[in-house]
Structures are given as structure tokens and as C-alpha cells.
């Protein structure tokens, strides 16, 4: 017993510490959450959401251990048409009064290359949850140059992601008429920068923009 205890202690101290995911901050000044939907087989209706945020716990050594959550203010939908946006907030579509938040919580990350993969998660929209998979890619990993004021040479990584949402999966079954102007699938398109903000001053622009 006296021999095994020191050996066990040595083995435990020799094992590498498990890496913890690092929290990254969404740069709200360099982010876009867009959507696009068919309009009677003609030009597609394009819009975006203007209010959102997320939590990004990224494990660079084991990306599949990363955890991502994202929350969108449903009422912030913007298709550059006030009357249409009011209808999209209505119970026919987003039902924003009763379901003010759209949320995404990651459940699986599959890396296909060192810089791209598939992100699967649970999307809750109109209070109904269904899985969705996004194709994502890392565009660039760099630090901001020192000559940009209040950017503090923080590390920043740009991403793009695309996917498809089926509105019937979320109880959004409103169809105005045959050959309705609103398609059943919604293409989503995201562009965003994540920054490492640990220890940065309050004056840091990408870490505090919009907050």
C-alpha cells in the first residue's frame, strides 16, 4: 500500500490537465443574421434580424466539445417593408408577442476539415423545438493591428454559416392561398466575428460594441 500511493499520486500529477473551452465574444458590430425565402417562384424575399447575441465556449483542441447558444429577438425581424414586417411578427408567422425569443443550442459539432464542418443544434421558434444543421467555415484567424485605436490587438476569428429551416417544423403553417407568396423553407445566412475579450479594457470596441 505504501508503494502504490506515491505511484498513483505521481501518475495523477503527470496526466495533462483537461483543457477548458474558452469563452469568445460576439462582435455585434461585425455580425449579420440573414434569411431568404421564396416569393411565388419569383424574386426571393430577403431580410435579417437586428437584435441578437450568443455564448460561444470554444475548445480549439477538441472542437466537438464546444458549446454554442444563440438568442434572437423575434420582433427585430427586418425585411425593409414595415407592413410585411408587422405581419411576420403576427401569430401567422413568428408570433413574437407570445414567443419573443428564438433560441439555438448546439448539440453536435462535426469537423470536416480543420476550418469547416457542420453545427447541429435545437432551434426553438414559436415555442416549438426542432433540430437544424448549419454548414460553417472559418474565414480568417488573426489579431487586430496595433494602429487601430481601442481594438487592443485582440485575437479575432471570422465565420460564415448557412442552413435551411422548415417553417412547418415550428408550427408556422400559415398559407394565404394556393401558390402562396411565402415558401415553406427558409434559408439562413450568418456572418460574424468572434473576439477574445478576456482582460480587455471597457474601451475595447469589438468587445463592447452594442452592449
C-alpha atoms as a PDB file:
ATOM      1  CA  UNK A   1       0.000   0.000   0.000  1.00  0.00           C
ATOM      2  CA  UNK A   2       2.805   2.425   0.832  1.00  0.00           C
ATOM      3  CA  UNK A   3       4.356   1.785  -2.580  1.00  0.00           C
ATOM      4  CA  UNK A   4       1.196   2.224  -4.665  1.00  0.00           C
ATOM      5  CA  UNK A   5       0.090   5.524  -3.140  1.00  0.00           C
ATOM      6  CA  UNK A   6       3.182   7.501  -4.241  1.00  0.00           C
ATOM      7  CA  UNK A   7       2.962   5.897  -7.706  1.00  0.00           C
ATOM      8  CA  UNK A   8      -0.712   6.760  -8.038  1.00  0.00           C
ATOM      9  CA  UNK A   9      -0.012  10.315  -6.946  1.00  0.00           C
ATOM     10  CA  UNK A  10       2.791  10.595  -9.499  1.00  0.00           C
ATOM     11  CA  UNK A  11       0.563   9.312 -12.302  1.00  0.00           C
ATOM     12  CA  UNK A  12      -2.191  11.766 -11.423  1.00  0.00           C
ATOM     13  CA  UNK A  13       0.167  14.725 -11.406  1.00  0.00           C
ATOM     14  CA  UNK A  14       1.760  13.581 -14.665  1.00  0.00           C
ATOM     15  CA  UNK A  15      -1.534  13.467 -16.550  1.00  0.00           C
ATOM     16  CA  UNK A  16      -2.175  16.590 -18.651  1.00  0.00           C
ATOM     17  CA  UNK A  17      -4.913  18.849 -17.354  1.00  0.00           C
ATOM     18  CA  UNK A  18      -8.123  18.723 -19.327  1.00  0.00           C
ATOM     19  CA  UNK A  19      -8.419  21.847 -21.452  1.00  0.00           C
ATOM     20  CA  UNK A  20     -11.387  24.046 -20.688  1.00  0.00           C
ATOM     21  CA  UNK A  21     -13.324  25.692 -23.528  1.00  0.00           C
ATOM     22  CA  UNK A  22     -12.532  29.387 -23.874  1.00  0.00           C
ATOM     23  CA  UNK A  23     -15.337  31.932 -23.995  1.00  0.00           C
ATOM     24  CA  UNK A  24     -15.351  34.157 -27.061  1.00  0.00           C
ATOM     25  CA  UNK A  25     -17.453  37.289 -27.516  1.00  0.00           C
ATOM     26  CA  UNK A  26     -19.662  38.010 -30.497  1.00  0.00           C
ATOM     27  CA  UNK A  27     -18.641  41.316 -32.068  1.00  0.00           C
ATOM     28  CA  UNK A  28     -22.091  42.843 -32.555  1.00  0.00           C
ATOM     29  CA  UNK A  29     -20.608  45.495 -34.829  1.00  0.00           C
ATOM     30  CA  UNK A  30     -19.476  42.831 -37.287  1.00  0.00           C
ATOM     31  CA  UNK A  31     -22.290  40.307 -37.412  1.00  0.00           C
ATOM     32  CA  UNK A  32     -25.231  39.553 -39.678  1.00  0.00           C
ATOM     33  CA  UNK A  33     -28.149  37.154 -39.198  1.00  0.00           C
ATOM     34  CA  UNK A  34     -29.982  36.948 -42.503  1.00  0.00           C
ATOM     35  CA  UNK A  35     -32.772  34.917 -44.055  1.00  0.00           C
ATOM     36  CA  UNK A  36     -34.197  34.393 -47.520  1.00  0.00           C
ATOM     37  CA  UNK A  37     -37.476  32.824 -48.666  1.00  0.00           C
ATOM     38  CA  UNK A  38     -39.215  32.061 -51.935  1.00  0.00           C
ATOM     39  CA  UNK A  39     -41.787  34.543 -53.239  1.00  0.00           C
ATOM     40  CA  UNK A  40     -44.131  32.753 -55.677  1.00  0.00           C
ATOM     41  CA  UNK A  41     -41.150  31.433 -57.619  1.00  0.00           C
ATOM     42  CA  UNK A  42     -40.156  34.999 -58.487  1.00  0.00           C
ATOM     43  CA  UNK A  43     -37.548  37.154 -56.761  1.00  0.00           C
ATOM     44  CA  UNK A  44     -36.800  35.897 -53.268  1.00  0.00           C
ATOM     45  CA  UNK A  45     -37.707  37.929 -50.194  1.00  0.00           C
ATOM     46  CA  UNK A  46     -34.590  38.751 -48.198  1.00  0.00           C
ATOM     47  CA  UNK A  47     -34.351  40.036 -44.639  1.00  0.00           C
ATOM     48  CA  UNK A  48     -32.448  39.923 -41.394  1.00  0.00           C
ATOM     49  CA  UNK A  49     -32.764  40.162 -37.634  1.00  0.00           C
ATOM     50  CA  UNK A  50     -31.329  43.232 -35.971  1.00  0.00           C
ATOM     51  CA  UNK A  51     -31.113  42.157 -32.307  1.00  0.00           C
ATOM     52  CA  UNK A  52     -29.327  39.013 -31.117  1.00  0.00           C
ATOM     53  CA  UNK A  53     -26.451  37.699 -29.027  1.00  0.00           C
ATOM     54  CA  UNK A  54     -24.815  34.419 -28.164  1.00  0.00           C
ATOM     55  CA  UNK A  55     -22.498  32.482 -25.896  1.00  0.00           C
ATOM     56  CA  UNK A  56     -19.533  30.766 -27.544  1.00  0.00           C
ATOM     57  CA  UNK A  57     -17.467  28.337 -25.470  1.00  0.00           C
ATOM     58  CA  UNK A  58     -14.862  27.115 -27.934  1.00  0.00           C
ATOM     59  CA  UNK A  59     -12.485  24.187 -27.419  1.00  0.00           C
ATOM     60  CA  UNK A  60      -9.822  24.659 -30.079  1.00  0.00           C
ATOM     61  CA  UNK A  61      -8.137  21.307 -29.381  1.00  0.00           C
ATOM     62  CA  UNK A  62     -11.388  19.315 -29.399  1.00  0.00           C
ATOM     63  CA  UNK A  63     -13.940  21.416 -31.327  1.00  0.00           C
ATOM     64  CA  UNK A  64     -16.670  18.824 -30.775  1.00  0.00           C
ATOM     65  CA  UNK A  65     -16.607  19.785 -27.083  1.00  0.00           C
ATOM     66  CA  UNK A  66     -17.508  23.400 -27.879  1.00  0.00           C
ATOM     67  CA  UNK A  67     -20.846  24.741 -26.707  1.00  0.00           C
ATOM     68  CA  UNK A  68     -22.776  27.419 -28.563  1.00  0.00           C
ATOM     69  CA  UNK A  69     -26.037  29.133 -27.740  1.00  0.00           C
ATOM     70  CA  UNK A  70     -27.683  31.918 -29.711  1.00  0.00           C
ATOM     71  CA  UNK A  71     -30.715  34.072 -28.948  1.00  0.00           C
ATOM     72  CA  UNK A  72     -32.593  36.291 -31.398  1.00  0.00           C
ATOM     73  CA  UNK A  73     -35.197  38.939 -30.632  1.00  0.00           C
ATOM     74  CA  UNK A  74     -38.072  37.796 -32.865  1.00  0.00           C
ATOM     75  CA  UNK A  75     -39.562  41.287 -33.077  1.00  0.00           C
ATOM     76  CA  UNK A  76     -36.330  42.603 -34.615  1.00  0.00           C
ATOM     77  CA  UNK A  77     -37.139  40.992 -37.971  1.00  0.00           C
ATOM     78  CA  UNK A  78     -36.486  43.410 -40.822  1.00  0.00           C
ATOM     79  CA  UNK A  79     -37.385  42.863 -44.481  1.00  0.00           C
ATOM     80  CA  UNK A  80     -37.240  46.559 -45.398  1.00  0.00           C
ATOM     81  CA  UNK A  81     -41.055  46.697 -45.574  1.00  0.00           C
ATOM     82  CA  UNK A  82     -42.948  47.905 -42.480  1.00  0.00           C
ATOM     83  CA  UNK A  83     -46.302  46.297 -43.300  1.00  0.00           C
ATOM     84  CA  UNK A  84     -44.724  42.957 -44.168  1.00  0.00           C
ATOM     85  CA  UNK A  85     -42.601  43.028 -41.006  1.00  0.00           C
ATOM     86  CA  UNK A  86     -45.720  43.638 -38.907  1.00  0.00           C
ATOM     87  CA  UNK A  87     -47.317  40.556 -40.498  1.00  0.00           C
ATOM     88  CA  UNK A  88     -44.177  38.490 -39.913  1.00  0.00           C
ATOM     89  CA  UNK A  89     -44.369  39.369 -36.201  1.00  0.00           C
ATOM     90  CA  UNK A  90     -48.047  38.323 -36.197  1.00  0.00           C
ATOM     91  CA  UNK A  91     -49.279  34.910 -34.977  1.00  0.00           C
ATOM     92  CA  UNK A  92     -49.438  33.762 -38.626  1.00  0.00           C
ATOM     93  CA  UNK A  93     -45.663  33.646 -38.615  1.00  0.00           C
ATOM     94  CA  UNK A  94     -43.289  34.363 -35.691  1.00  0.00           C
ATOM     95  CA  UNK A  95     -45.999  35.099 -33.088  1.00  0.00           C
ATOM     96  CA  UNK A  96     -43.490  37.438 -31.495  1.00  0.00           C
ATOM     97  CA  UNK A  97     -45.799  38.706 -28.740  1.00  0.00           C
ATOM     98  CA  UNK A  98     -46.168  35.215 -27.271  1.00  0.00           C
ATOM     99  CA  UNK A  99     -42.738  33.913 -28.295  1.00  0.00           C
ATOM    100  CA  UNK A 100     -40.361  36.876 -28.128  1.00  0.00           C
ATOM    101  CA  UNK A 101     -37.153  34.821 -28.348  1.00  0.00           C
ATOM    102  CA  UNK A 102     -35.765  32.480 -30.985  1.00  0.00           C
ATOM    103  CA  UNK A 103     -33.070  30.269 -29.472  1.00  0.00           C
ATOM    104  CA  UNK A 104     -30.448  27.851 -30.767  1.00  0.00           C
ATOM    105  CA  UNK A 105     -28.486  25.443 -28.567  1.00  0.00           C
ATOM    106  CA  UNK A 106     -25.754  23.304 -30.100  1.00  0.00           C
ATOM    107  CA  UNK A 107     -25.916  19.528 -29.682  1.00  0.00           C
ATOM    108  CA  UNK A 108     -23.181  18.317 -32.051  1.00  0.00           C
ATOM    109  CA  UNK A 109     -20.206  19.704 -33.947  1.00  0.00           C
ATOM    110  CA  UNK A 110     -18.632  17.705 -36.755  1.00  0.00           C
ATOM    111  CA  UNK A 111     -15.379  18.983 -38.237  1.00  0.00           C
ATOM    112  CA  UNK A 112     -14.978  18.054 -41.916  1.00  0.00           C
ATOM    113  CA  UNK A 113     -11.735  19.982 -42.439  1.00  0.00           C
ATOM    114  CA  UNK A 114      -9.545  21.944 -39.993  1.00  0.00           C
ATOM    115  CA  UNK A 115     -11.611  25.066 -40.783  1.00  0.00           C
ATOM    116  CA  UNK A 116     -15.104  23.847 -41.724  1.00  0.00           C
ATOM    117  CA  UNK A 117     -17.803  21.495 -40.565  1.00  0.00           C
ATOM    118  CA  UNK A 118     -21.410  21.011 -39.547  1.00  0.00           C
ATOM    119  CA  UNK A 119     -23.031  22.512 -36.464  1.00  0.00           C
ATOM    120  CA  UNK A 120     -26.232  20.789 -35.299  1.00  0.00           C
ATOM    121  CA  UNK A 121     -28.498  22.127 -32.589  1.00  0.00           C
ATOM    122  CA  UNK A 122     -32.007  22.579 -31.280  1.00  0.00           C
ATOM    123  CA  UNK A 123     -33.831  25.584 -32.725  1.00  0.00           C
ATOM    124  CA  UNK A 124     -36.794  26.863 -30.745  1.00  0.00           C
ATOM    125  CA  UNK A 125     -39.077  29.140 -32.751  1.00  0.00           C
ATOM    126  CA  UNK A 126     -42.704  29.959 -31.893  1.00  0.00           C
ATOM    127  CA  UNK A 127     -42.182  27.813 -28.795  1.00  0.00           C
ATOM    128  CA  UNK A 128     -41.599  24.664 -30.855  1.00  0.00           C
ATOM    129  CA  UNK A 129     -38.199  22.970 -30.996  1.00  0.00           C
ATOM    130  CA  UNK A 130     -36.713  21.084 -33.944  1.00  0.00           C
ATOM    131  CA  UNK A 131     -33.147  20.163 -34.951  1.00  0.00           C
ATOM    132  CA  UNK A 132     -31.290  22.212 -37.528  1.00  0.00           C
ATOM    133  CA  UNK A 133     -27.845  21.753 -39.082  1.00  0.00           C
ATOM    134  CA  UNK A 134     -25.666  24.610 -40.271  1.00  0.00           C
ATOM    135  CA  UNK A 135     -22.666  24.349 -42.577  1.00  0.00           C
ATOM    136  CA  UNK A 136     -19.946  26.606 -41.188  1.00  0.00           C
ATOM    137  CA  UNK A 137     -16.483  27.699 -42.175  1.00  0.00           C
ATOM    138  CA  UNK A 138     -13.779  29.769 -40.538  1.00  0.00           C
ATOM    139  CA  UNK A 139     -12.784  32.644 -42.816  1.00  0.00           C
ATOM    140  CA  UNK A 140      -9.724  34.022 -41.021  1.00  0.00           C
ATOM    141  CA  UNK A 141      -7.941  33.897 -37.667  1.00  0.00           C
ATOM    142  CA  UNK A 142      -5.822  36.948 -36.825  1.00  0.00           C
ATOM    143  CA  UNK A 143      -5.142  39.729 -34.325  1.00  0.00           C
ATOM    144  CA  UNK A 144      -6.212  43.293 -34.926  1.00  0.00           C
ATOM    145  CA  UNK A 145      -3.277  45.577 -35.855  1.00  0.00           C
ATOM    146  CA  UNK A 146      -1.940  47.859 -33.170  1.00  0.00           C
ATOM    147  CA  UNK A 147      -2.668  51.042 -35.125  1.00  0.00           C
ATOM    148  CA  UNK A 148      -6.476  50.683 -34.761  1.00  0.00           C
ATOM    149  CA  UNK A 149      -7.475  52.668 -31.635  1.00  0.00           C
ATOM    150  CA  UNK A 150      -9.260  50.720 -28.871  1.00  0.00           C
ATOM    151  CA  UNK A 151      -9.019  47.355 -30.613  1.00  0.00           C
ATOM    152  CA  UNK A 152      -6.111  46.350 -28.308  1.00  0.00           C
ATOM    153  CA  UNK A 153      -4.663  43.794 -30.732  1.00  0.00           C
ATOM    154  CA  UNK A 154      -7.227  41.222 -29.638  1.00  0.00           C
ATOM    155  CA  UNK A 155      -7.480  37.920 -31.474  1.00  0.00           C
ATOM    156  CA  UNK A 156     -10.467  37.689 -33.816  1.00  0.00           C
ATOM    157  CA  UNK A 157     -11.872  34.845 -35.922  1.00  0.00           C
ATOM    158  CA  UNK A 158     -14.383  35.340 -38.732  1.00  0.00           C
ATOM    159  CA  UNK A 159     -17.036  32.729 -39.512  1.00  0.00           C
ATOM    160  CA  UNK A 160     -19.770  32.130 -42.054  1.00  0.00           C
ATOM    161  CA  UNK A 161     -22.663  29.663 -41.691  1.00  0.00           C
ATOM    162  CA  UNK A 162     -25.623  28.657 -43.836  1.00  0.00           C
ATOM    163  CA  UNK A 163     -28.580  26.337 -43.391  1.00  0.00           C
ATOM    164  CA  UNK A 164     -32.246  25.680 -44.026  1.00  0.00           C
ATOM    165  CA  UNK A 165     -35.212  25.928 -41.648  1.00  0.00           C
ATOM    166  CA  UNK A 166     -38.552  24.280 -42.437  1.00  0.00           C
ATOM    167  CA  UNK A 167     -41.228  26.535 -41.022  1.00  0.00           C
ATOM    168  CA  UNK A 168     -43.740  23.679 -40.639  1.00  0.00           C
ATOM    169  CA  UNK A 169     -41.334  22.158 -38.083  1.00  0.00           C
ATOM    170  CA  UNK A 170     -42.208  25.103 -35.846  1.00  0.00           C
ATOM    171  CA  UNK A 171     -45.954  25.218 -36.401  1.00  0.00           C
ATOM    172  CA  UNK A 172     -45.690  28.065 -38.890  1.00  0.00           C
ATOM    173  CA  UNK A 173     -48.315  26.644 -41.248  1.00  0.00           C
ATOM    174  CA  UNK A 174     -49.981  29.835 -42.477  1.00  0.00           C
ATOM    175  CA  UNK A 175     -50.627  29.701 -46.225  1.00  0.00           C
ATOM    176  CA  UNK A 176     -52.538  32.670 -47.619  1.00  0.00           C
ATOM    177  CA  UNK A 177     -53.625  30.963 -50.857  1.00  0.00           C
ATOM    178  CA  UNK A 178     -52.572  28.322 -53.360  1.00  0.00           C
ATOM    179  CA  UNK A 179     -49.093  29.096 -54.685  1.00  0.00           C
ATOM    180  CA  UNK A 180     -48.669  31.237 -51.583  1.00  0.00           C
ATOM    181  CA  UNK A 181     -46.125  34.072 -51.645  1.00  0.00           C
ATOM    182  CA  UNK A 182     -44.405  32.518 -48.614  1.00  0.00           C
ATOM    183  CA  UNK A 183     -42.266  29.440 -49.204  1.00  0.00           C
ATOM    184  CA  UNK A 184     -42.095  26.562 -46.752  1.00  0.00           C
ATOM    185  CA  UNK A 185     -38.312  26.585 -46.336  1.00  0.00           C
ATOM    186  CA  UNK A 186     -36.220  29.470 -45.094  1.00  0.00           C
ATOM    187  CA  UNK A 187     -32.539  29.785 -45.982  1.00  0.00           C
ATOM    188  CA  UNK A 188     -30.419  31.326 -43.235  1.00  0.00           C
ATOM    189  CA  UNK A 189     -27.109  33.076 -43.740  1.00  0.00           C
ATOM    190  CA  UNK A 190     -24.826  34.178 -40.913  1.00  0.00           C
ATOM    191  CA  UNK A 191     -21.600  36.191 -40.936  1.00  0.00           C
ATOM    192  CA  UNK A 192     -19.889  37.056 -37.662  1.00  0.00           C
ATOM    193  CA  UNK A 193     -16.623  37.737 -35.879  1.00  0.00           C
ATOM    194  CA  UNK A 194     -15.720  36.236 -32.510  1.00  0.00           C
ATOM    195  CA  UNK A 195     -13.157  38.012 -30.351  1.00  0.00           C
ATOM    196  CA  UNK A 196     -11.150  37.036 -27.270  1.00  0.00           C
ATOM    197  CA  UNK A 197     -12.085  39.696 -24.746  1.00  0.00           C
ATOM    198  CA  UNK A 198     -10.568  38.389 -21.516  1.00  0.00           C
ATOM    199  CA  UNK A 199      -8.750  41.179 -19.712  1.00  0.00           C
ATOM    200  CA  UNK A 200      -9.585  43.879 -22.248  1.00  0.00           C
ATOM    201  CA  UNK A 201     -10.469  47.399 -21.019  1.00  0.00           C
ATOM    202  CA  UNK A 202     -14.023  48.752 -21.162  1.00  0.00           C
ATOM    203  CA  UNK A 203     -12.932  50.982 -24.028  1.00  0.00           C
ATOM    204  CA  UNK A 204     -12.337  47.993 -26.307  1.00  0.00           C
ATOM    205  CA  UNK A 205     -14.568  48.444 -29.350  1.00  0.00           C
ATOM    206  CA  UNK A 206     -15.235  44.895 -30.654  1.00  0.00           C
ATOM    207  CA  UNK A 207     -15.843  43.579 -27.132  1.00  0.00           C
ATOM    208  CA  UNK A 208     -18.342  46.263 -26.104  1.00  0.00           C
ATOM    209  CA  UNK A 209     -19.981  47.420 -29.360  1.00  0.00           C
ATOM    210  CA  UNK A 210     -23.768  47.411 -28.895  1.00  0.00           C
ATOM    211  CA  UNK A 211     -23.603  46.310 -25.249  1.00  0.00           C
END
